Amino acid sequence: MITFIAHVTVRPENVAAYAALMTHVRDMTRANEPGVAYYDFGKSADELDVYFVIEVYRDAAAHAAHMQTPWVMESIPQSRRLVEGGFDIKQYVSPGTAPAVRRMKES
């Protein structure tokens, strides 16, 4: 399994738009991508403007396919406009799993 955990700061005036965008991406991912084991987002309990996205892929091919879907390709430039300071993305892999090639830079 390959897991990405991203943290972003969302400006208060963009919270509703960010939540709607990420809900769309989550729902499309869950409905159409069997190679994605888990995909969701949420809000920090401690930092009111910080959100996280957790993505778990069965393998690198599933991650590559995800990044080529229309909903992801459309969402990246939209989310860049809604967040402040870019994306803090960390990748984790299960033992014996090769990392995925990064398809999106943190900032």
PDB file of N, CA and C in Angstrom:
ATOM      1  N   MET A   1       0.843  -1.183   0.000  1.00  0.00           N
ATOM      2  CA  MET A   1       0.000   0.000   0.000  1.00  0.00           C
ATOM      3  C   MET A   1       0.886   1.243   0.000  1.00  0.00           C
ATOM      4  N   ILE A   2       0.390   2.259  -0.655  1.00  0.00           N
ATOM      5  CA  ILE A   2       1.067   3.552  -0.695  1.00  0.00           C
ATOM      6  C   ILE A   2       0.104   4.579  -0.138  1.00  0.00           C
ATOM      7  N   THR A   3       0.555   5.316   0.846  1.00  0.00           N
ATOM      8  CA  THR A   3      -0.300   6.304   1.509  1.00  0.00           C
ATOM      9  C   THR A   3       0.299   7.689   1.356  1.00  0.00           C
ATOM     10  N   PHE A   4      -0.547   8.640   1.011  1.00  0.00           N
ATOM     11  CA  PHE A   4      -0.178  10.046   1.009  1.00  0.00           C
ATOM     12  C   PHE A   4      -1.027  10.747   2.055  1.00  0.00           C
ATOM     13  N   ILE A   5      -0.393  11.581   2.850  1.00  0.00           N
ATOM     14  CA  ILE A   5      -1.114  12.433   3.791  1.00  0.00           C
ATOM     15  C   ILE A   5      -0.693  13.860   3.495  1.00  0.00           C
ATOM     16  N   ALA A   6      -1.664  14.666   3.138  1.00  0.00           N
ATOM     17  CA  ALA A   6      -1.408  16.069   2.805  1.00  0.00           C
ATOM     18  C   ALA A   6      -2.075  16.965   3.834  1.00  0.00           C
ATOM     19  N   HIS A   7      -1.382  18.034   4.188  1.00  0.00           N
ATOM     20  CA  HIS A   7      -1.948  19.072   5.049  1.00  0.00           C
ATOM     21  C   HIS A   7      -1.958  20.378   4.266  1.00  0.00           C
ATOM     22  N   VAL A   8      -3.054  21.094   4.370  1.00  0.00           N
ATOM     23  CA  VAL A   8      -3.182  22.394   3.707  1.00  0.00           C
ATOM     24  C   VAL A   8      -3.846  23.381   4.654  1.00  0.00           C
ATOM     25  N   THR A   9      -3.526  24.633   4.454  1.00  0.00           N
ATOM     26  CA  THR A   9      -4.198  25.705   5.178  1.00  0.00           C
ATOM     27  C   THR A   9      -5.187  26.334   4.219  1.00  0.00           C
ATOM     28  N   VAL A  10      -6.443  26.382   4.623  1.00  0.00           N
ATOM     29  CA  VAL A  10      -7.508  26.921   3.779  1.00  0.00           C
ATOM     30  C   VAL A  10      -7.945  28.264   4.354  1.00  0.00           C
ATOM     31  N   ARG A  11      -7.876  29.283   3.512  1.00  0.00           N
ATOM     32  CA  ARG A  11      -8.313  30.599   3.959  1.00  0.00           C
ATOM     33  C   ARG A  11      -9.802  30.547   4.331  1.00  0.00           C
ATOM     34  N   PRO A  12     -10.195  31.237   5.399  1.00  0.00           N
ATOM     35  CA  PRO A  12     -11.582  31.152   5.881  1.00  0.00           C
ATOM     36  C   PRO A  12     -12.634  31.412   4.803  1.00  0.00           C
ATOM     37  N   GLU A  13     -12.375  32.340   3.923  1.00  0.00           N
ATOM     38  CA  GLU A  13     -13.361  32.651   2.879  1.00  0.00           C
ATOM     39  C   GLU A  13     -13.469  31.534   1.832  1.00  0.00           C
ATOM     40  N   ASN A  14     -12.545  30.571   1.864  1.00  0.00           N
ATOM     41  CA  ASN A  14     -12.538  29.488   0.872  1.00  0.00           C
ATOM     42  C   ASN A  14     -12.969  28.132   1.433  1.00  0.00           C
ATOM     43  N   VAL A  15     -13.342  28.092   2.697  1.00  0.00           N
ATOM     44  CA  VAL A  15     -13.656  26.818   3.343  1.00  0.00           C
ATOM     45  C   VAL A  15     -14.789  26.086   2.629  1.00  0.00           C
ATOM     46  N   ALA A  16     -15.872  26.750   2.327  1.00  0.00           N
ATOM     47  CA  ALA A  16     -17.017  26.083   1.685  1.00  0.00           C
ATOM     48  C   ALA A  16     -16.636  25.557   0.310  1.00  0.00           C
ATOM     49  N   ALA A  17     -15.915  26.340  -0.461  1.00  0.00           N
ATOM     50  CA  ALA A  17     -15.501  25.913  -1.797  1.00  0.00           C
ATOM     51  C   ALA A  17     -14.530  24.742  -1.717  1.00  0.00           C
ATOM     52  N   TYR A  18     -13.601  24.786  -0.765  1.00  0.00           N
ATOM     53  CA  TYR A  18     -12.645  23.683  -0.600  1.00  0.00           C
ATOM     54  C   TYR A  18     -13.368  22.399  -0.203  1.00  0.00           C
ATOM     55  N   ALA A  19     -14.277  22.488   0.741  1.00  0.00           N
ATOM     56  CA  ALA A  19     -15.024  21.308   1.182  1.00  0.00           C
ATOM     57  C   ALA A  19     -15.844  20.723   0.030  1.00  0.00           C
ATOM     58  N   ALA A  20     -16.475  21.572  -0.769  1.00  0.00           N
ATOM     59  CA  ALA A  20     -17.262  21.089  -1.912  1.00  0.00           C
ATOM     60  C   ALA A  20     -16.357  20.414  -2.945  1.00  0.00           C
ATOM     61  N   LEU A  21     -15.214  21.007  -3.228  1.00  0.00           N
ATOM     62  CA  LEU A  21     -14.269  20.437  -4.182  1.00  0.00           C
ATOM     63  C   LEU A  21     -13.775  19.075  -3.710  1.00  0.00           C
ATOM     64  N   MET A  22     -13.356  18.991  -2.457  1.00  0.00           N
ATOM     65  CA  MET A  22     -12.812  17.740  -1.942  1.00  0.00           C
ATOM     66  C   MET A  22     -13.887  16.666  -1.789  1.00  0.00           C
ATOM     67  N   THR A  23     -15.109  17.061  -1.499  1.00  0.00           N
ATOM     68  CA  THR A  23     -16.210  16.101  -1.446  1.00  0.00           C
ATOM     69  C   THR A  23     -16.423  15.484  -2.824  1.00  0.00           C
ATOM     70  N   HIS A  24     -16.384  16.324  -3.849  1.00  0.00           N
ATOM     71  CA  HIS A  24     -16.524  15.834  -5.229  1.00  0.00           C
ATOM     72  C   HIS A  24     -15.398  14.857  -5.586  1.00  0.00           C
ATOM     73  N   VAL A  25     -14.157  15.244  -5.298  1.00  0.00           N
ATOM     74  CA  VAL A  25     -13.019  14.367  -5.610  1.00  0.00           C
ATOM     75  C   VAL A  25     -13.126  13.058  -4.837  1.00  0.00           C
ATOM     76  N   ARG A  26     -13.436  13.137  -3.566  1.00  0.00           N
ATOM     77  CA  ARG A  26     -13.588  11.921  -2.748  1.00  0.00           C
ATOM     78  C   ARG A  26     -14.663  11.002  -3.320  1.00  0.00           C
ATOM     79  N   ASP A  27     -15.828  11.563  -3.620  1.00  0.00           N
ATOM     80  CA  ASP A  27     -16.943  10.750  -4.090  1.00  0.00           C
ATOM     81  C   ASP A  27     -16.641  10.116  -5.450  1.00  0.00           C
ATOM     82  N   MET A  28     -16.031  10.872  -6.357  1.00  0.00           N
ATOM     83  CA  MET A  28     -15.667  10.331  -7.673  1.00  0.00           C
ATOM     84  C   MET A  28     -14.597   9.250  -7.538  1.00  0.00           C
ATOM     85  N   THR A  29     -13.646   9.487  -6.659  1.00  0.00           N
ATOM     86  CA  THR A  29     -12.572   8.511  -6.444  1.00  0.00           C
ATOM     87  C   THR A  29     -13.140   7.208  -5.898  1.00  0.00           C
ATOM     88  N   ARG A  30     -13.965   7.308  -4.896  1.00  0.00           N
ATOM     89  CA  ARG A  30     -14.547   6.103  -4.287  1.00  0.00           C
ATOM     90  C   ARG A  30     -15.418   5.330  -5.276  1.00  0.00           C
ATOM     91  N   ALA A  31     -16.142   6.045  -6.121  1.00  0.00           N
ATOM     92  CA  ALA A  31     -17.077   5.402  -7.045  1.00  0.00           C
ATOM     93  C   ALA A  31     -16.399   4.788  -8.266  1.00  0.00           C
ATOM     94  N   ASN A  32     -15.229   5.301  -8.634  1.00  0.00           N
ATOM     95  CA  ASN A  32     -14.653   4.938  -9.925  1.00  0.00           C
ATOM     96  C   ASN A  32     -13.250   4.347  -9.904  1.00  0.00           C
ATOM     97  N   GLU A  33     -12.621   4.260  -8.747  1.00  0.00           N
ATOM     98  CA  GLU A  33     -11.231   3.833  -8.719  1.00  0.00           C
ATOM     99  C   GLU A  33     -11.027   2.650  -7.759  1.00  0.00           C
ATOM    100  N   PRO A  34     -11.133   1.433  -8.268  1.00  0.00           N
ATOM    101  CA  PRO A  34     -10.964   0.263  -7.403  1.00  0.00           C
ATOM    102  C   PRO A  34      -9.544   0.124  -6.835  1.00  0.00           C
ATOM    103  N   GLY A  35      -8.561   0.773  -7.456  1.00  0.00           N
ATOM    104  CA  GLY A  35      -7.192   0.712  -6.963  1.00  0.00           C
ATOM    105  C   GLY A  35      -6.926   1.613  -5.768  1.00  0.00           C
ATOM    106  N   VAL A  36      -7.920   2.413  -5.403  1.00  0.00           N
ATOM    107  CA  VAL A  36      -7.785   3.297  -4.242  1.00  0.00           C
ATOM    108  C   VAL A  36      -8.466   2.610  -3.059  1.00  0.00           C
ATOM    109  N   ALA A  37      -7.673   2.272  -2.053  1.00  0.00           N
ATOM    110  CA  ALA A  37      -8.203   1.564  -0.888  1.00  0.00           C
ATOM    111  C   ALA A  37      -8.932   2.502   0.069  1.00  0.00           C
ATOM    112  N   TYR A  38      -8.491   3.751   0.128  1.00  0.00           N
ATOM    113  CA  TYR A  38      -9.100   4.726   1.041  1.00  0.00           C
ATOM    114  C   TYR A  38      -8.814   6.121   0.516  1.00  0.00           C
ATOM    115  N   TYR A  39      -9.809   6.999   0.593  1.00  0.00           N
ATOM    116  CA  TYR A  39      -9.630   8.397   0.194  1.00  0.00           C
ATOM    117  C   TYR A  39     -10.619   9.235   0.994  1.00  0.00           C
ATOM    118  N   ASP A  40     -10.105  10.190   1.767  1.00  0.00           N
ATOM    119  CA  ASP A  40     -10.988  11.081   2.519  1.00  0.00           C
ATOM    120  C   ASP A  40     -10.230  12.330   2.934  1.00  0.00           C
ATOM    121  N   PHE A  41     -10.957  13.289   3.415  1.00  0.00           N
ATOM    122  CA  PHE A  41     -10.367  14.526   3.908  1.00  0.00           C
ATOM    123  C   PHE A  41     -11.075  14.918   5.194  1.00  0.00           C
ATOM    124  N   GLY A  42     -10.452  15.812   5.940  1.00  0.00           N
ATOM    125  CA  GLY A  42     -11.043  16.276   7.179  1.00  0.00           C
ATOM    126  C   GLY A  42     -10.368  17.547   7.647  1.00  0.00           C
ATOM    127  N   LYS A  43     -10.800  17.998   8.797  1.00  0.00           N
ATOM    128  CA  LYS A  43     -10.343  19.265   9.357  1.00  0.00           C
ATOM    129  C   LYS A  43      -9.653  19.010  10.688  1.00  0.00           C
ATOM    130  N   SER A  44      -8.587  19.740  10.946  1.00  0.00           N
ATOM    131  CA  SER A  44      -7.874  19.613  12.209  1.00  0.00           C
ATOM    132  C   SER A  44      -8.771  20.037  13.369  1.00  0.00           C
ATOM    133  N   ALA A  45      -8.686  19.299  14.449  1.00  0.00           N
ATOM    134  CA  ALA A  45      -9.427  19.657  15.653  1.00  0.00           C
ATOM    135  C   ALA A  45      -8.732  20.775  16.418  1.00  0.00           C
ATOM    136  N   ASP A  46      -7.443  20.972  16.160  1.00  0.00           N
ATOM    137  CA  ASP A  46      -6.659  21.951  16.906  1.00  0.00           C
ATOM    138  C   ASP A  46      -6.386  23.247  16.150  1.00  0.00           C
ATOM    139  N   GLU A  47      -6.248  23.138  14.823  1.00  0.00           N
ATOM    140  CA  GLU A  47      -5.953  24.309  13.998  1.00  0.00           C
ATOM    141  C   GLU A  47      -7.104  24.499  13.027  1.00  0.00           C
ATOM    142  N   LEU A  48      -7.940  25.490  13.264  1.00  0.00           N
ATOM    143  CA  LEU A  48      -9.204  25.629  12.551  1.00  0.00           C
ATOM    144  C   LEU A  48      -9.077  25.815  11.052  1.00  0.00           C
ATOM    145  N   ASP A  49      -7.937  26.289  10.570  1.00  0.00           N
ATOM    146  CA  ASP A  49      -7.789  26.506   9.132  1.00  0.00           C
ATOM    147  C   ASP A  49      -6.972  25.420   8.444  1.00  0.00           C
ATOM    148  N   VAL A  50      -6.637  24.344   9.158  1.00  0.00           N
ATOM    149  CA  VAL A  50      -5.830  23.260   8.595  1.00  0.00           C
ATOM    150  C   VAL A  50      -6.722  22.058   8.265  1.00  0.00           C
ATOM    151  N   TYR A  51      -6.564  21.568   7.050  1.00  0.00           N
ATOM    152  CA  TYR A  51      -7.277  20.390   6.572  1.00  0.00           C
ATOM    153  C   TYR A  51      -6.260  19.325   6.192  1.00  0.00           C
ATOM    154  N   PHE A  52      -6.711  18.085   6.130  1.00  0.00           N
ATOM    155  CA  PHE A  52      -5.847  16.993   5.697  1.00  0.00           C
ATOM    156  C   PHE A  52      -6.574  16.173   4.649  1.00  0.00           C
ATOM    157  N   VAL A  53      -5.788  15.514   3.810  1.00  0.00           N
ATOM    158  CA  VAL A  53      -6.307  14.553   2.841  1.00  0.00           C
ATOM    159  C   VAL A  53      -5.491  13.283   3.027  1.00  0.00           C
ATOM    160  N   ILE A  54      -6.173  12.148   3.166  1.00  0.00           N
ATOM    161  CA  ILE A  54      -5.501  10.859   3.268  1.00  0.00           C
ATOM    162  C   ILE A  54      -5.901  10.030   2.050  1.00  0.00           C
ATOM    163  N   GLU A  55      -4.869   9.563   1.322  1.00  0.00           N
ATOM    164  CA  GLU A  55      -5.069   8.760   0.118  1.00  0.00           C
ATOM    165  C   GLU A  55      -4.273   7.470   0.282  1.00  0.00           C
ATOM    166  N   VAL A  56      -4.933   6.332   0.106  1.00  0.00           N
ATOM    167  CA  VAL A  56      -4.253   5.042   0.201  1.00  0.00           C
ATOM    168  C   VAL A  56      -4.483   4.286  -1.108  1.00  0.00           C
ATOM    169  N   TYR A  57      -3.382   3.955  -1.772  1.00  0.00           N
ATOM    170  CA  TYR A  57      -3.419   3.267  -3.067  1.00  0.00           C
ATOM    171  C   TYR A  57      -2.903   1.843  -2.919  1.00  0.00           C
ATOM    172  N   ARG A  58      -3.467   0.933  -3.675  1.00  0.00           N
ATOM    173  CA  ARG A  58      -3.028  -0.461  -3.627  1.00  0.00           C
ATOM    174  C   ARG A  58      -1.616  -0.619  -4.196  1.00  0.00           C
ATOM    175  N   ASP A  59      -1.258   0.246  -5.183  1.00  0.00           N
ATOM    176  CA  ASP A  59       0.074   0.188  -5.776  1.00  0.00           C
ATOM    177  C   ASP A  59       0.336   1.489  -6.542  1.00  0.00           C
ATOM    178  N   ALA A  60       1.542   1.593  -7.093  1.00  0.00           N
ATOM    179  CA  ALA A  60       1.935   2.814  -7.806  1.00  0.00           C
ATOM    180  C   ALA A  60       1.076   3.040  -9.049  1.00  0.00           C
ATOM    181  N   ALA A  61       0.658   1.962  -9.700  1.00  0.00           N
ATOM    182  CA  ALA A  61      -0.189   2.105 -10.888  1.00  0.00           C
ATOM    183  C   ALA A  61      -1.531   2.739 -10.534  1.00  0.00           C
ATOM    184  N   ALA A  62      -2.087   2.393  -9.381  1.00  0.00           N
ATOM    185  CA  ALA A  62      -3.358   2.994  -8.952  1.00  0.00           C
ATOM    186  C   ALA A  62      -3.183   4.481  -8.686  1.00  0.00           C
ATOM    187  N   HIS A  63      -2.050   4.870  -8.097  1.00  0.00           N
ATOM    188  CA  HIS A  63      -1.789   6.294  -7.876  1.00  0.00           C
ATOM    189  C   HIS A  63      -1.642   7.028  -9.200  1.00  0.00           C
ATOM    190  N   ALA A  64      -0.888   6.452 -10.132  1.00  0.00           N
ATOM    191  CA  ALA A  64      -0.705   7.082 -11.445  1.00  0.00           C
ATOM    192  C   ALA A  64      -2.051   7.254 -12.157  1.00  0.00           C
ATOM    193  N   ALA A  65      -2.894   6.226 -12.095  1.00  0.00           N
ATOM    194  CA  ALA A  65      -4.215   6.305 -12.726  1.00  0.00           C
ATOM    195  C   ALA A  65      -5.071   7.382 -12.071  1.00  0.00           C
ATOM    196  N   HIS A  66      -5.021   7.463 -10.747  1.00  0.00           N
ATOM    197  CA  HIS A  66      -5.786   8.477 -10.014  1.00  0.00           C
ATOM    198  C   HIS A  66      -5.414   9.876 -10.476  1.00  0.00           C
ATOM    199  N   MET A  67      -4.126  10.120 -10.630  1.00  0.00           N
ATOM    200  CA  MET A  67      -3.669  11.457 -10.997  1.00  0.00           C
ATOM    201  C   MET A  67      -4.073  11.852 -12.413  1.00  0.00           C
ATOM    202  N   GLN A  68      -4.475  10.887 -13.230  1.00  0.00           N
ATOM    203  CA  GLN A  68      -4.903  11.162 -14.604  1.00  0.00           C
ATOM    204  C   GLN A  68      -6.418  11.270 -14.765  1.00  0.00           C
ATOM    205  N   THR A  69      -7.165  11.087 -13.683  1.00  0.00           N
ATOM    206  CA  THR A  69      -8.622  11.179 -13.795  1.00  0.00           C
ATOM    207  C   THR A  69      -9.029  12.638 -14.013  1.00  0.00           C
ATOM    208  N   PRO A  70     -10.121  12.859 -14.713  1.00  0.00           N
ATOM    209  CA  PRO A  70     -10.571  14.238 -14.942  1.00  0.00           C
ATOM    210  C   PRO A  70     -10.823  15.005 -13.648  1.00  0.00           C
ATOM    211  N   TRP A  71     -11.403  14.344 -12.640  1.00  0.00           N
ATOM    212  CA  TRP A  71     -11.720  15.055 -11.396  1.00  0.00           C
ATOM    213  C   TRP A  71     -10.466  15.482 -10.645  1.00  0.00           C
ATOM    214  N   VAL A  72      -9.410  14.718 -10.717  1.00  0.00           N
ATOM    215  CA  VAL A  72      -8.168  15.128 -10.056  1.00  0.00           C
ATOM    216  C   VAL A  72      -7.474  16.210 -10.873  1.00  0.00           C
ATOM    217  N   MET A  73      -7.387  16.013 -12.182  1.00  0.00           N
ATOM    218  CA  MET A  73      -6.708  17.004 -13.024  1.00  0.00           C
ATOM    219  C   MET A  73      -7.391  18.369 -12.937  1.00  0.00           C
ATOM    220  N   GLU A  74      -8.707  18.380 -12.831  1.00  0.00           N
ATOM    221  CA  GLU A  74      -9.441  19.640 -12.697  1.00  0.00           C
ATOM    222  C   GLU A  74      -9.318  20.218 -11.289  1.00  0.00           C
ATOM    223  N   SER A  75      -9.210  19.358 -10.285  1.00  0.00           N
ATOM    224  CA  SER A  75      -9.222  19.839  -8.899  1.00  0.00           C
ATOM    225  C   SER A  75      -7.905  20.468  -8.457  1.00  0.00           C
ATOM    226  N   ILE A  76      -6.792  20.049  -9.023  1.00  0.00           N
ATOM    227  CA  ILE A  76      -5.499  20.556  -8.554  1.00  0.00           C
ATOM    228  C   ILE A  76      -5.374  22.072  -8.731  1.00  0.00           C
ATOM    229  N   PRO A  77      -5.612  22.620  -9.924  1.00  0.00           N
ATOM    230  CA  PRO A  77      -5.503  24.084 -10.028  1.00  0.00           C
ATOM    231  C   PRO A  77      -6.555  24.817  -9.189  1.00  0.00           C
ATOM    232  N   GLN A  78      -7.733  24.216  -9.046  1.00  0.00           N
ATOM    233  CA  GLN A  78      -8.764  24.839  -8.217  1.00  0.00           C
ATOM    234  C   GLN A  78      -8.333  24.875  -6.758  1.00  0.00           C
ATOM    235  N   SER A  79      -7.795  23.757  -6.272  1.00  0.00           N
ATOM    236  CA  SER A  79      -7.392  23.715  -4.863  1.00  0.00           C
ATOM    237  C   SER A  79      -6.203  24.634  -4.600  1.00  0.00           C
ATOM    238  N   ARG A  80      -5.317  24.782  -5.564  1.00  0.00           N
ATOM    239  CA  ARG A  80      -4.179  25.703  -5.388  1.00  0.00           C
ATOM    240  C   ARG A  80      -4.665  27.133  -5.113  1.00  0.00           C
ATOM    241  N   ARG A  81      -5.778  27.506  -5.731  1.00  0.00           N
ATOM    242  CA  ARG A  81      -6.331  28.854  -5.520  1.00  0.00           C
ATOM    243  C   ARG A  81      -7.015  28.995  -4.164  1.00  0.00           C
ATOM    244  N   LEU A  82      -7.391  27.889  -3.561  1.00  0.00           N
ATOM    245  CA  LEU A  82      -8.145  27.924  -2.311  1.00  0.00           C
ATOM    246  C   LEU A  82      -7.280  27.799  -1.067  1.00  0.00           C
ATOM    247  N   VAL A  83      -6.065  27.267  -1.227  1.00  0.00           N
ATOM    248  CA  VAL A  83      -5.206  27.049  -0.065  1.00  0.00           C
ATOM    249  C   VAL A  83      -4.153  28.139   0.030  1.00  0.00           C
ATOM    250  N   GLU A  84      -3.600  28.240   1.211  1.00  0.00           N
ATOM    251  CA  GLU A  84      -2.568  29.230   1.485  1.00  0.00           C
ATOM    252  C   GLU A  84      -1.268  28.502   1.780  1.00  0.00           C
ATOM    253  N   GLY A  85      -0.209  28.831   1.046  1.00  0.00           N
ATOM    254  CA  GLY A  85       1.094  28.251   1.346  1.00  0.00           C
ATOM    255  C   GLY A  85       1.370  26.906   0.718  1.00  0.00           C
ATOM    256  N   GLY A  86       0.552  26.436  -0.179  1.00  0.00           N
ATOM    257  CA  GLY A  86       0.828  25.183  -0.864  1.00  0.00           C
ATOM    258  C   GLY A  86       0.401  23.953  -0.098  1.00  0.00           C
ATOM    259  N   PHE A  87       0.969  22.818  -0.490  1.00  0.00           N
ATOM    260  CA  PHE A  87       0.588  21.513   0.033  1.00  0.00           C
ATOM    261  C   PHE A  87       1.783  20.898   0.759  1.00  0.00           C
ATOM    262  N   ASP A  88       1.551  20.418   1.963  1.00  0.00           N
ATOM    263  CA  ASP A  88       2.568  19.670   2.707  1.00  0.00           C
ATOM    264  C   ASP A  88       2.197  18.198   2.579  1.00  0.00           C
ATOM    265  N   ILE A  89       2.892  17.477   1.673  1.00  0.00           N
ATOM    266  CA  ILE A  89       2.532  16.100   1.348  1.00  0.00           C
ATOM    267  C   ILE A  89       3.642  15.157   1.788  1.00  0.00           C
ATOM    268  N   LYS A  90       3.254  14.122   2.505  1.00  0.00           N
ATOM    269  CA  LYS A  90       4.184  13.069   2.921  1.00  0.00           C
ATOM    270  C   LYS A  90       3.701  11.749   2.325  1.00  0.00           C
ATOM    271  N   GLN A  91       4.649  10.913   1.913  1.00  0.00           N
ATOM    272  CA  GLN A  91       4.329   9.603   1.348  1.00  0.00           C
ATOM    273  C   GLN A  91       4.843   8.520   2.291  1.00  0.00           C
ATOM    274  N   TYR A  92       4.030   7.504   2.496  1.00  0.00           N
ATOM    275  CA  TYR A  92       4.377   6.364   3.338  1.00  0.00           C
ATOM    276  C   TYR A  92       4.112   5.096   2.537  1.00  0.00           C
ATOM    277  N   VAL A  93       4.955   4.087   2.702  1.00  0.00           N
ATOM    278  CA  VAL A  93       4.754   2.831   1.978  1.00  0.00           C
ATOM    279  C   VAL A  93       4.796   1.663   2.951  1.00  0.00           C
ATOM    280  N   SER A  94       4.010   0.630   2.630  1.00  0.00           N
ATOM    281  CA  SER A  94       4.060  -0.610   3.402  1.00  0.00           C
ATOM    282  C   SER A  94       5.392  -1.298   3.117  1.00  0.00           C
ATOM    283  N   PRO A  95       5.900  -2.071   4.058  1.00  0.00           N
ATOM    284  CA  PRO A  95       7.149  -2.793   3.815  1.00  0.00           C
ATOM    285  C   PRO A  95       7.082  -3.598   2.521  1.00  0.00           C
ATOM    286  N   GLY A  96       8.135  -3.482   1.722  1.00  0.00           N
ATOM    287  CA  GLY A  96       8.203  -4.197   0.448  1.00  0.00           C
ATOM    288  C   GLY A  96       7.540  -3.485  -0.707  1.00  0.00           C
ATOM    289  N   THR A  97       6.956  -2.320  -0.466  1.00  0.00           N
ATOM    290  CA  THR A  97       6.292  -1.554  -1.514  1.00  0.00           C
ATOM    291  C   THR A  97       7.196  -0.423  -1.980  1.00  0.00           C
ATOM    292  N   ALA A  98       7.360  -0.295  -3.280  1.00  0.00           N
ATOM    293  CA  ALA A  98       8.150   0.809  -3.820  1.00  0.00           C
ATOM    294  C   ALA A  98       7.319   2.092  -3.759  1.00  0.00           C
ATOM    295  N   PRO A  99       7.956   3.232  -3.501  1.00  0.00           N
ATOM    296  CA  PRO A  99       7.217   4.498  -3.488  1.00  0.00           C
ATOM    297  C   PRO A  99       6.637   4.824  -4.852  1.00  0.00           C
ATOM    298  N   ALA A 100       5.600   5.613  -4.861  1.00  0.00           N
ATOM    299  CA  ALA A 100       5.003   6.101  -6.101  1.00  0.00           C
ATOM    300  C   ALA A 100       5.804   7.306  -6.575  1.00  0.00           C
ATOM    301  N   VAL A 101       5.845   7.483  -7.874  1.00  0.00           N
ATOM    302  CA  VAL A 101       6.463   8.682  -8.422  1.00  0.00           C
ATOM    303  C   VAL A 101       5.533   9.842  -8.137  1.00  0.00           C
ATOM    304  N   ARG A 102       6.093  10.902  -7.558  1.00  0.00           N
ATOM    305  CA  ARG A 102       5.262  12.069  -7.233  1.00  0.00           C
ATOM    306  C   ARG A 102       4.720  12.692  -8.495  1.00  0.00           C
ATOM    307  N   ARG A 103       3.436  12.901  -8.535  1.00  0.00           N
ATOM    308  CA  ARG A 103       2.785  13.490  -9.704  1.00  0.00           C
ATOM    309  C   ARG A 103       2.367  14.925  -9.440  1.00  0.00           C
ATOM    310  N   MET A 104       2.534  15.382  -8.195  1.00  0.00           N
ATOM    311  CA  MET A 104       2.162  16.747  -7.826  1.00  0.00           C
ATOM    312  C   MET A 104       3.171  17.242  -6.823  1.00  0.00           C
ATOM    313  N   LYS A 105       3.685  18.400  -7.060  1.00  0.00           N
ATOM    314  CA  LYS A 105       4.637  18.990  -6.124  1.00  0.00           C
ATOM    315  C   LYS A 105       3.877  19.567  -4.938  1.00  0.00           C
ATOM    316  N   GLU A 106       4.543  19.658  -3.800  1.00  0.00           N
ATOM    317  CA  GLU A 106       3.915  20.126  -2.569  1.00  0.00           C
ATOM    318  C   GLU A 106       3.381  21.552  -2.695  1.00  0.00           C
ATOM    319  N   SER A 107       4.113  22.415  -3.338  1.00  0.00           N
ATOM    320  CA  SER A 107       3.677  23.813  -3.426  1.00  0.00           C
ATOM    321  C   SER A 107       3.233  24.176  -4.810  1.00  0.00           C
TER     322      SER A 107
END
